[in-house]
Amino acid sequence: MLRLLHELKEEVDHLKELTQETQVTLLEAMLDGSKVGTIVTDPSQQDNPIIYTNRTFIEMTGYTQQEVIGKNCRFLQGPETDKEDIEKMRKAIAAEEAITLTLRNYRKDGSPFWNRLAIEPVQIEDKLYFIGTQTDITLERSQQQAIMANEDEIEKLMLPILSIQENVATVALVGTMNLQRFETLKVKICEYVQEHRIEHAIIDITGLSWNEKSPLYWFQQIYEALRIMGSNLYVTGISPAAAQQFADDLDRNSQLITFSTIERALSFITQKTTGENHFS
């Protein structure tokens, strides 16, 4: 322990021996070697201009140091930079508060990039400065968007809603039903019915399984939502076992209509539509 303390003391003494010029040179080398862009601004000057940049910032933005020093860093903003984020940044600087946000900024050649910007107020000898660090997260953002798009595509494949006749749409459920999947189904089928003006929606559960209680309560919710929208819901693919379970759970006042096959549901819809047209 004594030996460790002695070594630490020697290191501190060695640092004290460094001249201020050497310390500044080492600091600049550390900043230039960083993957994070760094700037310092001086709010005591008009328009809070940049007074220092590291090499990474120059390489990230494509501007020369001569083009950057003395200017406010708003030159990185462009047509798709979020105005609300700009206002948040302005208010944080005015209040001398730290802030971190992600902005769509632009390089000198006009190409956009996603910039994770962190601004920190620093007091040195009673003088205020702002240190801003910029991290280019364009690749990370693109990967996130690709993952989200892939998940959305998988979700569509799991819940494919198709129009099979005029004003009639169907969705075939396969796999195990759970609450999250039900919520997705409810939202998607309501959006589809509204967008395509569907009057009759069929949910086929031939390939569906459930672990505990039957999903009848969930279908009843979808039925009520579509009824308010002026559409009808039918559940098909009812097996004898499912029929028995549904019968045990079915409220006597429930108007949810079920069929063993999609064909029977379509026949019922055709007869109903023909009858309505006959008396109209």
C-alpha atoms as a PDB file:
ATOM      1  CA  MET A   1       0.000   0.000   0.000  1.00  0.00           C
ATOM      2  CA  LEU A   2       2.817   2.388   0.935  1.00  0.00           C
ATOM      3  CA  ARG A   3       4.556   1.579  -2.334  1.00  0.00           C
ATOM      4  CA  LEU A   4       1.381   2.393  -4.325  1.00  0.00           C
ATOM      5  CA  LEU A   5       0.970   5.724  -2.550  1.00  0.00           C
ATOM      6  CA  HIS A   6       4.606   6.533  -3.235  1.00  0.00           C
ATOM      7  CA  GLU A   7       4.138   5.787  -6.979  1.00  0.00           C
ATOM      8  CA  LEU A   8       1.037   7.983  -7.150  1.00  0.00           C
ATOM      9  CA  LYS A   9       2.914  10.822  -5.445  1.00  0.00           C
ATOM     10  CA  GLU A  10       5.703  10.526  -8.013  1.00  0.00           C
ATOM     11  CA  GLU A  11       3.154  10.721 -10.870  1.00  0.00           C
ATOM     12  CA  VAL A  12       1.571  13.868  -9.409  1.00  0.00           C
ATOM     13  CA  ASP A  13       4.971  15.466  -8.908  1.00  0.00           C
ATOM     14  CA  HIS A  14       5.862  14.609 -12.505  1.00  0.00           C
ATOM     15  CA  LEU A  15       2.695  16.282 -13.822  1.00  0.00           C
ATOM     16  CA  LYS A  16       3.466  19.387 -11.825  1.00  0.00           C
ATOM     17  CA  GLU A  17       6.813  19.590 -13.598  1.00  0.00           C
ATOM     18  CA  LEU A  18       5.090  19.872 -17.009  1.00  0.00           C
ATOM     19  CA  THR A  19       4.920  23.385 -18.365  1.00  0.00           C
ATOM     20  CA  GLN A  20       1.525  24.902 -19.148  1.00  0.00           C
ATOM     21  CA  GLU A  21       2.390  24.792 -22.842  1.00  0.00           C
ATOM     22  CA  THR A  22       3.110  21.045 -22.627  1.00  0.00           C
ATOM     23  CA  GLN A  23      -0.132  20.409 -20.768  1.00  0.00           C
ATOM     24  CA  VAL A  24      -2.100  22.319 -23.431  1.00  0.00           C
ATOM     25  CA  THR A  25      -0.339  20.380 -26.211  1.00  0.00           C
ATOM     26  CA  LEU A  26      -1.150  17.055 -24.545  1.00  0.00           C
ATOM     27  CA  LEU A  27      -4.777  18.086 -24.046  1.00  0.00           C
ATOM     28  CA  GLU A  28      -5.144  19.077 -27.697  1.00  0.00           C
ATOM     29  CA  ALA A  29      -3.594  15.775 -28.783  1.00  0.00           C
ATOM     30  CA  MET A  30      -6.094  13.912 -26.626  1.00  0.00           C
ATOM     31  CA  LEU A  31      -9.019  15.881 -28.073  1.00  0.00           C
ATOM     32  CA  ASP A  32      -7.811  15.502 -31.668  1.00  0.00           C
ATOM     33  CA  GLY A  33      -7.468  11.760 -31.168  1.00  0.00           C
ATOM     34  CA  SER A  34     -11.006  11.457 -29.893  1.00  0.00           C
ATOM     35  CA  LYS A  35     -13.847  10.136 -32.064  1.00  0.00           C
ATOM     36  CA  VAL A  36     -16.071  12.861 -30.623  1.00  0.00           C
ATOM     37  CA  GLY A  37     -16.171  16.335 -32.138  1.00  0.00           C
ATOM     38  CA  THR A  38     -15.570  19.123 -29.603  1.00  0.00           C
ATOM     39  CA  ILE A  39     -16.152  22.861 -29.741  1.00  0.00           C
ATOM     40  CA  VAL A  40     -15.966  25.673 -27.185  1.00  0.00           C
ATOM     41  CA  THR A  41     -18.119  28.797 -27.492  1.00  0.00           C
ATOM     42  CA  ASP A  42     -17.866  32.150 -25.741  1.00  0.00           C
ATOM     43  CA  PRO A  43     -21.282  33.610 -24.789  1.00  0.00           C
ATOM     44  CA  SER A  44     -19.679  36.876 -23.659  1.00  0.00           C
ATOM     45  CA  GLN A  45     -19.044  37.678 -27.332  1.00  0.00           C
ATOM     46  CA  GLN A  46     -21.810  38.640 -29.735  1.00  0.00           C
ATOM     47  CA  ASP A  47     -23.790  35.617 -31.031  1.00  0.00           C
ATOM     48  CA  ASN A  48     -21.891  33.141 -28.812  1.00  0.00           C
ATOM     49  CA  PRO A  49     -19.211  32.247 -31.423  1.00  0.00           C
ATOM     50  CA  ILE A  50     -16.977  29.171 -31.588  1.00  0.00           C
ATOM     51  CA  ILE A  51     -13.506  29.887 -30.190  1.00  0.00           C
ATOM     52  CA  TYR A  52     -12.077  26.352 -30.375  1.00  0.00           C
ATOM     53  CA  THR A  53     -12.645  23.147 -32.326  1.00  0.00           C
ATOM     54  CA  ASN A  54     -10.826  19.845 -32.320  1.00  0.00           C
ATOM     55  CA  ARG A  55      -9.763  18.044 -35.484  1.00  0.00           C
ATOM     56  CA  THR A  56     -12.604  15.513 -35.222  1.00  0.00           C
ATOM     57  CA  PHE A  57     -15.218  18.272 -35.520  1.00  0.00           C
ATOM     58  CA  ILE A  58     -13.501  19.596 -38.649  1.00  0.00           C
ATOM     59  CA  GLU A  59     -13.367  16.131 -40.221  1.00  0.00           C
ATOM     60  CA  MET A  60     -16.979  15.410 -39.235  1.00  0.00           C
ATOM     61  CA  THR A  61     -18.441  18.583 -40.746  1.00  0.00           C
ATOM     62  CA  GLY A  62     -16.097  19.206 -43.694  1.00  0.00           C
ATOM     63  CA  TYR A  63     -15.453  22.840 -42.762  1.00  0.00           C
ATOM     64  CA  THR A  64     -11.991  24.263 -42.214  1.00  0.00           C
ATOM     65  CA  GLN A  65     -11.048  25.729 -38.860  1.00  0.00           C
ATOM     66  CA  GLN A  66     -10.861  29.171 -40.453  1.00  0.00           C
ATOM     67  CA  GLU A  67     -14.474  28.813 -41.645  1.00  0.00           C
ATOM     68  CA  VAL A  68     -15.684  27.780 -38.178  1.00  0.00           C
ATOM     69  CA  ILE A  69     -13.851  29.975 -35.661  1.00  0.00           C
ATOM     70  CA  GLY A  70     -15.810  33.147 -34.856  1.00  0.00           C
ATOM     71  CA  LYS A  71     -19.168  31.786 -36.050  1.00  0.00           C
ATOM     72  CA  ASN A  72     -22.218  30.519 -34.200  1.00  0.00           C
ATOM     73  CA  CYS A  73     -22.639  26.761 -34.701  1.00  0.00           C
ATOM     74  CA  ARG A  74     -26.113  27.188 -36.250  1.00  0.00           C
ATOM     75  CA  PHE A  75     -24.421  26.840 -39.666  1.00  0.00           C
ATOM     76  CA  LEU A  76     -24.792  23.078 -39.099  1.00  0.00           C
ATOM     77  CA  GLN A  77     -28.589  23.406 -39.175  1.00  0.00           C
ATOM     78  CA  GLY A  78     -30.628  22.805 -42.315  1.00  0.00           C
ATOM     79  CA  PRO A  79     -34.127  22.363 -43.735  1.00  0.00           C
ATOM     80  CA  GLU A  80     -34.883  19.183 -41.773  1.00  0.00           C
ATOM     81  CA  THR A  81     -33.365  20.207 -38.449  1.00  0.00           C
ATOM     82  CA  ASP A  82     -36.162  19.961 -35.880  1.00  0.00           C
ATOM     83  CA  LYS A  83     -37.304  23.463 -34.869  1.00  0.00           C
ATOM     84  CA  GLU A  84     -38.431  22.237 -31.438  1.00  0.00           C
ATOM     85  CA  ASP A  85     -34.961  20.858 -30.716  1.00  0.00           C
ATOM     86  CA  ILE A  86     -33.407  24.158 -31.779  1.00  0.00           C
ATOM     87  CA  GLU A  87     -35.700  25.983 -29.347  1.00  0.00           C
ATOM     88  CA  LYS A  88     -34.813  23.546 -26.525  1.00  0.00           C
ATOM     89  CA  MET A  89     -31.132  24.175 -27.187  1.00  0.00           C
ATOM     90  CA  ARG A  90     -31.628  27.965 -27.238  1.00  0.00           C
ATOM     91  CA  LYS A  91     -33.490  27.912 -23.919  1.00  0.00           C
ATOM     92  CA  ALA A  92     -30.871  25.674 -22.262  1.00  0.00           C
ATOM     93  CA  ILE A  93     -28.062  28.020 -23.325  1.00  0.00           C
ATOM     94  CA  ALA A  94     -30.008  31.072 -22.128  1.00  0.00           C
ATOM     95  CA  ALA A  95     -30.577  29.379 -18.758  1.00  0.00           C
ATOM     96  CA  GLU A  96     -26.942  28.194 -18.626  1.00  0.00           C
ATOM     97  CA  GLU A  97     -28.105  24.578 -18.325  1.00  0.00           C
ATOM     98  CA  ALA A  98     -26.687  21.362 -19.744  1.00  0.00           C
ATOM     99  CA  ILE A  99     -28.628  19.606 -22.498  1.00  0.00           C
ATOM    100  CA  THR A 100     -28.240  16.521 -24.681  1.00  0.00           C
ATOM    101  CA  LEU A 101     -30.281  15.936 -27.826  1.00  0.00           C
ATOM    102  CA  THR A 102     -30.042  14.373 -31.274  1.00  0.00           C
ATOM    103  CA  LEU A 103     -30.189  16.750 -34.250  1.00  0.00           C
ATOM    104  CA  ARG A 104     -30.272  16.304 -37.988  1.00  0.00           C
ATOM    105  CA  ASN A 105     -27.307  18.463 -39.013  1.00  0.00           C
ATOM    106  CA  TYR A 106     -25.600  19.135 -42.340  1.00  0.00           C
ATOM    107  CA  ARG A 107     -21.987  18.999 -43.499  1.00  0.00           C
ATOM    108  CA  LYS A 108     -20.388  21.627 -45.713  1.00  0.00           C
ATOM    109  CA  ASP A 109     -21.204  19.581 -48.836  1.00  0.00           C
ATOM    110  CA  GLY A 110     -24.897  19.554 -47.864  1.00  0.00           C
ATOM    111  CA  SER A 111     -25.039  15.909 -46.822  1.00  0.00           C
ATOM    112  CA  PRO A 112     -27.105  15.307 -43.652  1.00  0.00           C
ATOM    113  CA  PHE A 113     -25.970  13.404 -40.580  1.00  0.00           C
ATOM    114  CA  TRP A 114     -27.460  12.612 -37.187  1.00  0.00           C
ATOM    115  CA  ASN A 115     -25.591  14.463 -34.466  1.00  0.00           C
ATOM    116  CA  ARG A 116     -25.868  13.499 -30.794  1.00  0.00           C
ATOM    117  CA  LEU A 117     -25.076  16.872 -29.281  1.00  0.00           C
ATOM    118  CA  ALA A 118     -24.203  17.489 -25.634  1.00  0.00           C
ATOM    119  CA  ILE A 119     -23.804  21.060 -24.377  1.00  0.00           C
ATOM    120  CA  GLU A 120     -22.277  21.776 -20.979  1.00  0.00           C
ATOM    121  CA  PRO A 121     -21.773  25.225 -19.364  1.00  0.00           C
ATOM    122  CA  VAL A 122     -18.364  25.634 -17.709  1.00  0.00           C
ATOM    123  CA  GLN A 123     -17.158  28.426 -15.418  1.00  0.00           C
ATOM    124  CA  ILE A 124     -13.419  29.177 -15.568  1.00  0.00           C
ATOM    125  CA  GLU A 125     -12.139  32.043 -13.430  1.00  0.00           C
ATOM    126  CA  ASP A 126     -15.663  33.528 -13.230  1.00  0.00           C
ATOM    127  CA  LYS A 127     -16.024  33.419 -17.023  1.00  0.00           C
ATOM    128  CA  LEU A 128     -18.697  31.297 -18.711  1.00  0.00           C
ATOM    129  CA  TYR A 129     -18.000  29.021 -21.664  1.00  0.00           C
ATOM    130  CA  PHE A 130     -20.041  26.322 -23.358  1.00  0.00           C
ATOM    131  CA  ILE A 131     -18.425  23.024 -24.337  1.00  0.00           C
ATOM    132  CA  GLY A 132     -20.270  21.137 -27.062  1.00  0.00           C
ATOM    133  CA  THR A 133     -19.509  17.554 -28.036  1.00  0.00           C
ATOM    134  CA  GLN A 134     -20.822  16.034 -31.252  1.00  0.00           C
ATOM    135  CA  THR A 135     -21.076  12.331 -32.056  1.00  0.00           C
ATOM    136  CA  ASP A 136     -22.024  11.190 -35.559  1.00  0.00           C
ATOM    137  CA  ILE A 137     -24.654   8.464 -34.960  1.00  0.00           C
ATOM    138  CA  THR A 138     -25.903   8.265 -38.571  1.00  0.00           C
ATOM    139  CA  LEU A 139     -24.947   4.590 -38.902  1.00  0.00           C
ATOM    140  CA  GLU A 140     -26.493   3.732 -35.541  1.00  0.00           C
ATOM    141  CA  ARG A 141     -29.683   5.578 -36.502  1.00  0.00           C
ATOM    142  CA  SER A 142     -29.868   3.809 -39.880  1.00  0.00           C
ATOM    143  CA  GLN A 143     -29.469   0.442 -38.186  1.00  0.00           C
ATOM    144  CA  GLN A 144     -32.266   1.278 -35.736  1.00  0.00           C
ATOM    145  CA  GLN A 145     -34.561   2.314 -38.588  1.00  0.00           C
ATOM    146  CA  ALA A 146     -33.731  -0.896 -40.475  1.00  0.00           C
ATOM    147  CA  ILE A 147     -34.549  -2.957 -37.383  1.00  0.00           C
ATOM    148  CA  MET A 148     -37.837  -1.112 -36.896  1.00  0.00           C
ATOM    149  CA  ALA A 149     -38.750  -1.572 -40.555  1.00  0.00           C
ATOM    150  CA  ASN A 150     -37.905  -5.259 -40.319  1.00  0.00           C
ATOM    151  CA  GLU A 151     -40.023  -5.647 -37.172  1.00  0.00           C
ATOM    152  CA  ASP A 152     -42.898  -3.833 -38.880  1.00  0.00           C
ATOM    153  CA  GLU A 153     -42.608  -6.156 -41.876  1.00  0.00           C
ATOM    154  CA  ILE A 154     -42.606  -9.220 -39.602  1.00  0.00           C
ATOM    155  CA  GLU A 155     -45.647  -7.832 -37.815  1.00  0.00           C
ATOM    156  CA  LYS A 156     -47.455  -7.400 -41.127  1.00  0.00           C
ATOM    157  CA  LEU A 157     -46.607 -10.964 -42.093  1.00  0.00           C
ATOM    158  CA  MET A 158     -47.965 -12.201 -38.766  1.00  0.00           C
ATOM    159  CA  LEU A 159     -51.170 -10.172 -39.148  1.00  0.00           C
ATOM    160  CA  PRO A 160     -51.888  -9.996 -42.908  1.00  0.00           C
ATOM    161  CA  ILE A 161     -55.217  -8.236 -43.528  1.00  0.00           C
ATOM    162  CA  LEU A 162     -56.586  -8.866 -47.020  1.00  0.00           C
ATOM    163  CA  SER A 163     -59.635  -7.637 -48.928  1.00  0.00           C
ATOM    164  CA  ILE A 164     -61.237 -10.741 -50.440  1.00  0.00           C
ATOM    165  CA  GLN A 165     -64.467  -9.182 -51.746  1.00  0.00           C
ATOM    166  CA  GLU A 166     -65.877  -5.712 -52.057  1.00  0.00           C
ATOM    167  CA  ASN A 167     -66.330  -4.363 -48.528  1.00  0.00           C
ATOM    168  CA  VAL A 168     -65.086  -7.665 -47.028  1.00  0.00           C
ATOM    169  CA  ALA A 169     -61.669  -8.190 -45.394  1.00  0.00           C
ATOM    170  CA  THR A 170     -60.160 -11.137 -43.566  1.00  0.00           C
ATOM    171  CA  VAL A 171     -57.170 -11.797 -41.318  1.00  0.00           C
ATOM    172  CA  ALA A 172     -55.928 -15.303 -40.518  1.00  0.00           C
ATOM    173  CA  LEU A 173     -54.357 -15.683 -37.080  1.00  0.00           C
ATOM    174  CA  VAL A 174     -51.630 -18.297 -36.690  1.00  0.00           C
ATOM    175  CA  GLY A 175     -49.651 -19.219 -33.594  1.00  0.00           C
ATOM    176  CA  THR A 176     -50.296 -18.312 -29.967  1.00  0.00           C
ATOM    177  CA  MET A 177     -52.497 -15.398 -28.971  1.00  0.00           C
ATOM    178  CA  ASN A 178     -51.269 -13.020 -26.274  1.00  0.00           C
ATOM    179  CA  LEU A 179     -52.258  -9.591 -25.021  1.00  0.00           C
ATOM    180  CA  GLN A 180     -49.583  -7.692 -26.984  1.00  0.00           C
ATOM    181  CA  ARG A 181     -50.544  -9.417 -30.218  1.00  0.00           C
ATOM    182  CA  PHE A 182     -54.218  -8.750 -29.558  1.00  0.00           C
ATOM    183  CA  GLU A 183     -53.571  -5.036 -29.038  1.00  0.00           C
ATOM    184  CA  THR A 184     -51.687  -4.913 -32.345  1.00  0.00           C
ATOM    185  CA  LEU A 185     -54.517  -6.772 -34.093  1.00  0.00           C
ATOM    186  CA  LYS A 186     -57.152  -4.436 -32.697  1.00  0.00           C
ATOM    187  CA  VAL A 187     -55.333  -1.316 -33.861  1.00  0.00           C
ATOM    188  CA  LYS A 188     -54.462  -2.666 -37.305  1.00  0.00           C
ATOM    189  CA  ILE A 189     -57.874  -4.078 -38.127  1.00  0.00           C
ATOM    190  CA  CYS A 190     -59.622  -0.845 -37.054  1.00  0.00           C
ATOM    191  CA  GLU A 191     -57.207   1.234 -39.160  1.00  0.00           C
ATOM    192  CA  TYR A 192     -57.676  -1.071 -42.157  1.00  0.00           C
ATOM    193  CA  VAL A 193     -61.479  -0.997 -41.868  1.00  0.00           C
ATOM    194  CA  GLN A 194     -61.478   2.793 -41.718  1.00  0.00           C
ATOM    195  CA  GLU A 195     -58.979   3.280 -44.549  1.00  0.00           C
ATOM    196  CA  HIS A 196     -60.627   0.820 -46.951  1.00  0.00           C
ATOM    197  CA  ARG A 197     -64.232   1.403 -45.814  1.00  0.00           C
ATOM    198  CA  ILE A 198     -64.757  -2.249 -44.970  1.00  0.00           C
ATOM    199  CA  GLU A 199     -68.271  -3.238 -43.860  1.00  0.00           C
ATOM    200  CA  HIS A 200     -67.535  -6.875 -42.945  1.00  0.00           C
ATOM    201  CA  ALA A 201     -64.340  -8.105 -41.230  1.00  0.00           C
ATOM    202  CA  ILE A 202     -63.544 -11.793 -40.728  1.00  0.00           C
ATOM    203  CA  ILE A 203     -61.006 -13.092 -38.224  1.00  0.00           C
ATOM    204  CA  ASP A 204     -60.082 -16.706 -38.925  1.00  0.00           C
ATOM    205  CA  ILE A 205     -58.618 -18.604 -35.959  1.00  0.00           C
ATOM    206  CA  THR A 206     -58.074 -21.998 -37.613  1.00  0.00           C
ATOM    207  CA  GLY A 207     -54.328 -21.876 -36.893  1.00  0.00           C
ATOM    208  CA  LEU A 208     -54.599 -20.052 -33.580  1.00  0.00           C
ATOM    209  CA  SER A 209     -53.882 -21.441 -30.128  1.00  0.00           C
ATOM    210  CA  TRP A 210     -54.132 -19.951 -26.659  1.00  0.00           C
ATOM    211  CA  ASN A 211     -52.625 -21.027 -23.368  1.00  0.00           C
ATOM    212  CA  GLU A 212     -55.233 -20.204 -20.755  1.00  0.00           C
ATOM    213  CA  LYS A 213     -58.552 -18.419 -21.192  1.00  0.00           C
ATOM    214  CA  SER A 214     -60.140 -18.271 -24.615  1.00  0.00           C
ATOM    215  CA  PRO A 215     -59.578 -15.067 -26.619  1.00  0.00           C
ATOM    216  CA  LEU A 216     -63.338 -14.505 -26.836  1.00  0.00           C
ATOM    217  CA  TYR A 217     -63.171 -11.423 -24.609  1.00  0.00           C
ATOM    218  CA  TRP A 218     -60.562  -9.889 -26.920  1.00  0.00           C
ATOM    219  CA  PHE A 219     -62.655 -10.562 -30.035  1.00  0.00           C
ATOM    220  CA  GLN A 220     -65.639  -9.040 -28.251  1.00  0.00           C
ATOM    221  CA  GLN A 221     -63.648  -5.835 -27.795  1.00  0.00           C
ATOM    222  CA  ILE A 222     -62.812  -5.739 -31.508  1.00  0.00           C
ATOM    223  CA  TYR A 223     -66.479  -6.434 -32.308  1.00  0.00           C
ATOM    224  CA  GLU A 224     -67.591  -3.450 -30.206  1.00  0.00           C
ATOM    225  CA  ALA A 225     -64.941  -1.172 -31.745  1.00  0.00           C
ATOM    226  CA  LEU A 226     -65.973  -2.114 -35.298  1.00  0.00           C
ATOM    227  CA  ARG A 227     -69.668  -1.821 -34.447  1.00  0.00           C
ATOM    228  CA  ILE A 228     -69.129   1.794 -33.408  1.00  0.00           C
ATOM    229  CA  MET A 229     -67.373   2.335 -36.754  1.00  0.00           C
ATOM    230  CA  GLY A 230     -70.381   0.872 -38.584  1.00  0.00           C
ATOM    231  CA  SER A 231     -68.750  -2.457 -39.483  1.00  0.00           C
ATOM    232  CA  ASN A 232     -69.432  -6.093 -38.602  1.00  0.00           C
ATOM    233  CA  LEU A 233     -67.053  -8.724 -37.192  1.00  0.00           C
ATOM    234  CA  TYR A 234     -67.233 -12.477 -37.717  1.00  0.00           C
ATOM    235  CA  VAL A 235     -64.972 -15.142 -36.214  1.00  0.00           C
ATOM    236  CA  THR A 236     -64.345 -18.271 -38.293  1.00  0.00           C
ATOM    237  CA  GLY A 237     -62.359 -21.475 -37.904  1.00  0.00           C
ATOM    238  CA  ILE A 238     -64.249 -22.509 -34.772  1.00  0.00           C
ATOM    239  CA  SER A 239     -63.380 -26.108 -33.881  1.00  0.00           C
ATOM    240  CA  PRO A 240     -65.701 -28.259 -31.699  1.00  0.00           C
ATOM    241  CA  ALA A 241     -63.369 -27.760 -28.712  1.00  0.00           C
ATOM    242  CA  ALA A 242     -63.216 -24.008 -29.278  1.00  0.00           C
ATOM    243  CA  ALA A 243     -66.971 -23.885 -29.742  1.00  0.00           C
ATOM    244  CA  GLN A 244     -67.472 -25.545 -26.355  1.00  0.00           C
ATOM    245  CA  GLN A 245     -65.035 -23.161 -24.678  1.00  0.00           C
ATOM    246  CA  PHE A 246     -66.622 -20.173 -26.389  1.00  0.00           C
ATOM    247  CA  ALA A 247     -70.082 -21.374 -25.303  1.00  0.00           C
ATOM    248  CA  ASP A 248     -68.928 -21.445 -21.682  1.00  0.00           C
ATOM    249  CA  ASP A 249     -67.521 -17.915 -21.914  1.00  0.00           C
ATOM    250  CA  LEU A 250     -70.097 -16.341 -24.230  1.00  0.00           C
ATOM    251  CA  ASP A 251     -72.317 -13.707 -22.708  1.00  0.00           C
ATOM    252  CA  ARG A 252     -75.969 -14.331 -23.526  1.00  0.00           C
ATOM    253  CA  ASN A 253     -76.278 -10.737 -24.708  1.00  0.00           C
ATOM    254  CA  SER A 254     -73.258 -11.048 -27.005  1.00  0.00           C
ATOM    255  CA  GLN A 255     -73.961 -10.502 -30.687  1.00  0.00           C
ATOM    256  CA  LEU A 256     -70.606 -11.873 -31.892  1.00  0.00           C
ATOM    257  CA  ILE A 257     -71.279 -14.262 -34.800  1.00  0.00           C
ATOM    258  CA  THR A 258     -69.025 -17.287 -35.363  1.00  0.00           C
ATOM    259  CA  PHE A 259     -68.690 -19.822 -38.200  1.00  0.00           C
ATOM    260  CA  SER A 260     -66.771 -23.020 -38.753  1.00  0.00           C
ATOM    261  CA  THR A 261     -65.300 -21.780 -42.076  1.00  0.00           C
ATOM    262  CA  ILE A 262     -64.674 -18.574 -43.989  1.00  0.00           C
ATOM    263  CA  GLU A 263     -66.907 -19.905 -46.805  1.00  0.00           C
ATOM    264  CA  ARG A 264     -69.888 -20.080 -44.438  1.00  0.00           C
ATOM    265  CA  ALA A 265     -69.224 -16.561 -43.230  1.00  0.00           C
ATOM    266  CA  LEU A 266     -69.057 -15.281 -46.811  1.00  0.00           C
ATOM    267  CA  SER A 267     -72.310 -17.053 -47.642  1.00  0.00           C
ATOM    268  CA  PHE A 268     -73.950 -15.401 -44.634  1.00  0.00           C
ATOM    269  CA  ILE A 269     -72.587 -11.977 -45.624  1.00  0.00           C
ATOM    270  CA  THR A 270     -73.826 -12.432 -49.222  1.00  0.00           C
ATOM    271  CA  GLN A 271     -77.313 -13.393 -48.048  1.00  0.00           C
ATOM    272  CA  LYS A 272     -77.374 -10.502 -45.599  1.00  0.00           C
ATOM    273  CA  THR A 273     -76.208  -8.012 -48.229  1.00  0.00           C
ATOM    274  CA  THR A 274     -78.699  -9.329 -50.782  1.00  0.00           C
ATOM    275  CA  GLY A 275     -81.510  -9.073 -48.259  1.00  0.00           C
ATOM    276  CA  GLU A 276     -80.559  -5.515 -47.346  1.00  0.00           C
ATOM    277  CA  ASN A 277     -80.438  -4.546 -51.023  1.00  0.00           C
ATOM    278  CA  HIS A 278     -83.826  -6.223 -51.605  1.00  0.00           C
ATOM    279  CA  PHE A 279     -85.558  -4.177 -48.910  1.00  0.00           C
ATOM    280  CA  SER A 280     -83.710  -0.947 -49.617  1.00  0.00           C
END
